[in-house]
Amino acid sequence: MVAYELRLPKESFVHPLFHVLLKKKIGDTAMISSKLPASNKEGQMQIVPIAILDRKLMKKGNRAVATRLIQWSNLYLEDATCKDLEDLQKQFPECVTSLVG
């Protein structure tokens, strides 16, 4: 088994040691960046909406709810998720306003 230890910034919440045999290949492309994505105190990557890919009206109970398929920063296009527009506007008011127009 081969292990690698990464030299990470002190403010990083990422564990610096990983074992090669535990890592599986994910897709054919790699997201390469010299800067680590921002993370919160729990070490979770902070993401924000960067594009609206699709719009839909979904039935929730007996009412129609506007939803948006969102592409997130620091994630692959395949990781886009569908979110209620109202919830998005509460959580990311500046981003959603600029994306919706």
C-alpha atoms as a PDB file:
ATOM      1  CA  MET A   1       0.000   0.000   0.000  1.00  0.00           C
ATOM      2  CA  VAL A   2       1.310   3.442  -0.912  1.00  0.00           C
ATOM      3  CA  ALA A   3       0.559   6.539   1.171  1.00  0.00           C
ATOM      4  CA  TYR A   4       0.990  10.180   0.218  1.00  0.00           C
ATOM      5  CA  GLU A   5       1.224  13.115   2.562  1.00  0.00           C
ATOM      6  CA  LEU A   6       0.217  16.474   1.125  1.00  0.00           C
ATOM      7  CA  ARG A   7       1.772  19.789   2.087  1.00  0.00           C
ATOM      8  CA  LEU A   8      -1.318  21.852   2.812  1.00  0.00           C
ATOM      9  CA  PRO A   9      -1.804  25.357   4.198  1.00  0.00           C
ATOM     10  CA  LYS A  10      -2.205  25.536   7.994  1.00  0.00           C
ATOM     11  CA  GLU A  11      -5.805  26.781   7.650  1.00  0.00           C
ATOM     12  CA  SER A  12      -6.772  23.676   5.662  1.00  0.00           C
ATOM     13  CA  PHE A  13      -9.264  21.263   7.216  1.00  0.00           C
ATOM     14  CA  VAL A  14      -8.309  18.480   4.780  1.00  0.00           C
ATOM     15  CA  HIS A  15      -6.460  15.479   6.226  1.00  0.00           C
ATOM     16  CA  PRO A  16      -2.989  15.531   4.629  1.00  0.00           C
ATOM     17  CA  LEU A  17      -2.458  11.747   4.412  1.00  0.00           C
ATOM     18  CA  PHE A  18      -4.222   9.420   1.973  1.00  0.00           C
ATOM     19  CA  HIS A  19      -3.700   5.867   0.787  1.00  0.00           C
ATOM     20  CA  VAL A  20      -3.664   5.170  -2.944  1.00  0.00           C
ATOM     21  CA  LEU A  21      -5.475   1.837  -2.771  1.00  0.00           C
ATOM     22  CA  LEU A  22      -8.446   3.516  -1.057  1.00  0.00           C
ATOM     23  CA  LYS A  23      -8.877   6.059  -3.851  1.00  0.00           C
ATOM     24  CA  LYS A  24     -11.057   5.150  -6.830  1.00  0.00           C
ATOM     25  CA  LYS A  25     -10.802   6.740 -10.253  1.00  0.00           C
ATOM     26  CA  ILE A  26     -13.563   9.292 -10.785  1.00  0.00           C
ATOM     27  CA  GLY A  27     -14.212  10.084 -14.450  1.00  0.00           C
ATOM     28  CA  ASP A  28     -11.775  10.908 -17.224  1.00  0.00           C
ATOM     29  CA  THR A  29     -10.987  14.496 -16.264  1.00  0.00           C
ATOM     30  CA  ALA A  30      -9.359  16.056 -13.244  1.00  0.00           C
ATOM     31  CA  MET A  31     -10.132  19.405 -11.648  1.00  0.00           C
ATOM     32  CA  ILE A  32      -6.697  20.906 -11.073  1.00  0.00           C
ATOM     33  CA  SER A  33      -6.254  23.991  -8.935  1.00  0.00           C
ATOM     34  CA  SER A  34      -3.314  25.480  -7.092  1.00  0.00           C
ATOM     35  CA  LYS A  35      -5.696  27.010  -4.550  1.00  0.00           C
ATOM     36  CA  LEU A  36      -7.801  24.978  -2.133  1.00  0.00           C
ATOM     37  CA  PRO A  37     -11.543  25.733  -2.182  1.00  0.00           C
ATOM     38  CA  ALA A  38     -12.902  27.649   0.813  1.00  0.00           C
ATOM     39  CA  SER A  39     -14.196  25.469   3.649  1.00  0.00           C
ATOM     40  CA  ASN A  40     -16.215  26.076   6.811  1.00  0.00           C
ATOM     41  CA  LYS A  41     -15.196  25.183  10.385  1.00  0.00           C
ATOM     42  CA  GLU A  42     -16.463  21.612   9.906  1.00  0.00           C
ATOM     43  CA  GLY A  43     -14.149  21.205   6.913  1.00  0.00           C
ATOM     44  CA  GLN A  44     -16.974  21.134   4.367  1.00  0.00           C
ATOM     45  CA  MET A  45     -16.291  22.822   1.054  1.00  0.00           C
ATOM     46  CA  GLN A  46     -18.206  26.075   0.633  1.00  0.00           C
ATOM     47  CA  ILE A  47     -20.088  26.213  -2.651  1.00  0.00           C
ATOM     48  CA  VAL A  48     -22.191  28.908  -4.311  1.00  0.00           C
ATOM     49  CA  PRO A  49     -24.431  28.852  -7.391  1.00  0.00           C
ATOM     50  CA  ILE A  50     -22.594  29.882 -10.562  1.00  0.00           C
ATOM     51  CA  ALA A  51     -25.198  29.042 -13.231  1.00  0.00           C
ATOM     52  CA  ILE A  52     -28.839  28.100 -13.647  1.00  0.00           C
ATOM     53  CA  LEU A  53     -28.972  25.189 -16.073  1.00  0.00           C
ATOM     54  CA  ASP A  54     -32.735  24.552 -16.167  1.00  0.00           C
ATOM     55  CA  ARG A  55     -36.028  25.806 -14.710  1.00  0.00           C
ATOM     56  CA  LYS A  56     -39.081  23.761 -13.702  1.00  0.00           C
ATOM     57  CA  LEU A  57     -42.334  24.001 -11.822  1.00  0.00           C
ATOM     58  CA  MET A  58     -42.715  21.086  -9.410  1.00  0.00           C
ATOM     59  CA  LYS A  59     -45.802  20.058  -7.463  1.00  0.00           C
ATOM     60  CA  LYS A  60     -45.269  20.220  -3.702  1.00  0.00           C
ATOM     61  CA  GLY A  61     -48.407  19.228  -1.837  1.00  0.00           C
ATOM     62  CA  ASN A  62     -51.191  21.084  -3.606  1.00  0.00           C
ATOM     63  CA  ARG A  63     -49.108  24.010  -4.861  1.00  0.00           C
ATOM     64  CA  ALA A  64     -46.604  24.649  -7.651  1.00  0.00           C
ATOM     65  CA  VAL A  65     -43.025  25.444  -6.630  1.00  0.00           C
ATOM     66  CA  ALA A  66     -40.432  27.082  -8.896  1.00  0.00           C
ATOM     67  CA  THR A  67     -37.177  25.104  -8.964  1.00  0.00           C
ATOM     68  CA  ARG A  68     -33.818  25.615 -10.636  1.00  0.00           C
ATOM     69  CA  LEU A  69     -31.123  23.170 -11.677  1.00  0.00           C
ATOM     70  CA  ILE A  70     -27.981  24.734 -10.194  1.00  0.00           C
ATOM     71  CA  GLN A  71     -24.344  24.385 -11.212  1.00  0.00           C
ATOM     72  CA  TRP A  72     -22.171  24.901  -8.124  1.00  0.00           C
ATOM     73  CA  SER A  73     -18.721  26.443  -7.764  1.00  0.00           C
ATOM     74  CA  ASN A  74     -15.869  23.969  -7.182  1.00  0.00           C
ATOM     75  CA  LEU A  75     -18.000  21.034  -8.395  1.00  0.00           C
ATOM     76  CA  TYR A  76     -18.338  19.199 -11.687  1.00  0.00           C
ATOM     77  CA  LEU A  77     -21.264  19.904 -13.997  1.00  0.00           C
ATOM     78  CA  GLU A  78     -22.548  16.390 -13.226  1.00  0.00           C
ATOM     79  CA  ASP A  79     -22.965  17.458  -9.580  1.00  0.00           C
ATOM     80  CA  ALA A  80     -25.645  20.038 -10.422  1.00  0.00           C
ATOM     81  CA  THR A  81     -28.726  19.803  -8.184  1.00  0.00           C
ATOM     82  CA  CYS A  82     -32.337  20.922  -8.342  1.00  0.00           C
ATOM     83  CA  LYS A  83     -33.294  23.440  -5.616  1.00  0.00           C
ATOM     84  CA  ASP A  84     -36.400  25.465  -4.728  1.00  0.00           C
ATOM     85  CA  LEU A  85     -35.974  29.002  -6.063  1.00  0.00           C
ATOM     86  CA  GLU A  86     -37.345  30.496  -2.836  1.00  0.00           C
ATOM     87  CA  ASP A  87     -34.811  28.576  -0.708  1.00  0.00           C
ATOM     88  CA  LEU A  88     -31.970  29.585  -3.042  1.00  0.00           C
ATOM     89  CA  GLN A  89     -32.932  33.255  -2.800  1.00  0.00           C
ATOM     90  CA  LYS A  90     -32.874  33.059   1.012  1.00  0.00           C
ATOM     91  CA  GLN A  91     -29.534  31.233   1.200  1.00  0.00           C
ATOM     92  CA  PHE A  92     -27.696  33.001  -1.662  1.00  0.00           C
ATOM     93  CA  PRO A  93     -29.508  36.339  -2.275  1.00  0.00           C
ATOM     94  CA  GLU A  94     -26.673  38.073  -4.181  1.00  0.00           C
ATOM     95  CA  CYS A  95     -25.840  35.088  -6.368  1.00  0.00           C
ATOM     96  CA  VAL A  96     -29.398  34.205  -7.290  1.00  0.00           C
ATOM     97  CA  THR A  97     -30.316  37.821  -8.056  1.00  0.00           C
ATOM     98  CA  SER A  98     -27.417  38.112 -10.476  1.00  0.00           C
ATOM     99  CA  LEU A  99     -28.194  34.736 -12.107  1.00  0.00           C
ATOM    100  CA  VAL A 100     -31.981  35.190 -12.396  1.00  0.00           C
ATOM    101  CA  GLY A 101     -31.721  38.845 -13.450  1.00  0.00           C
END
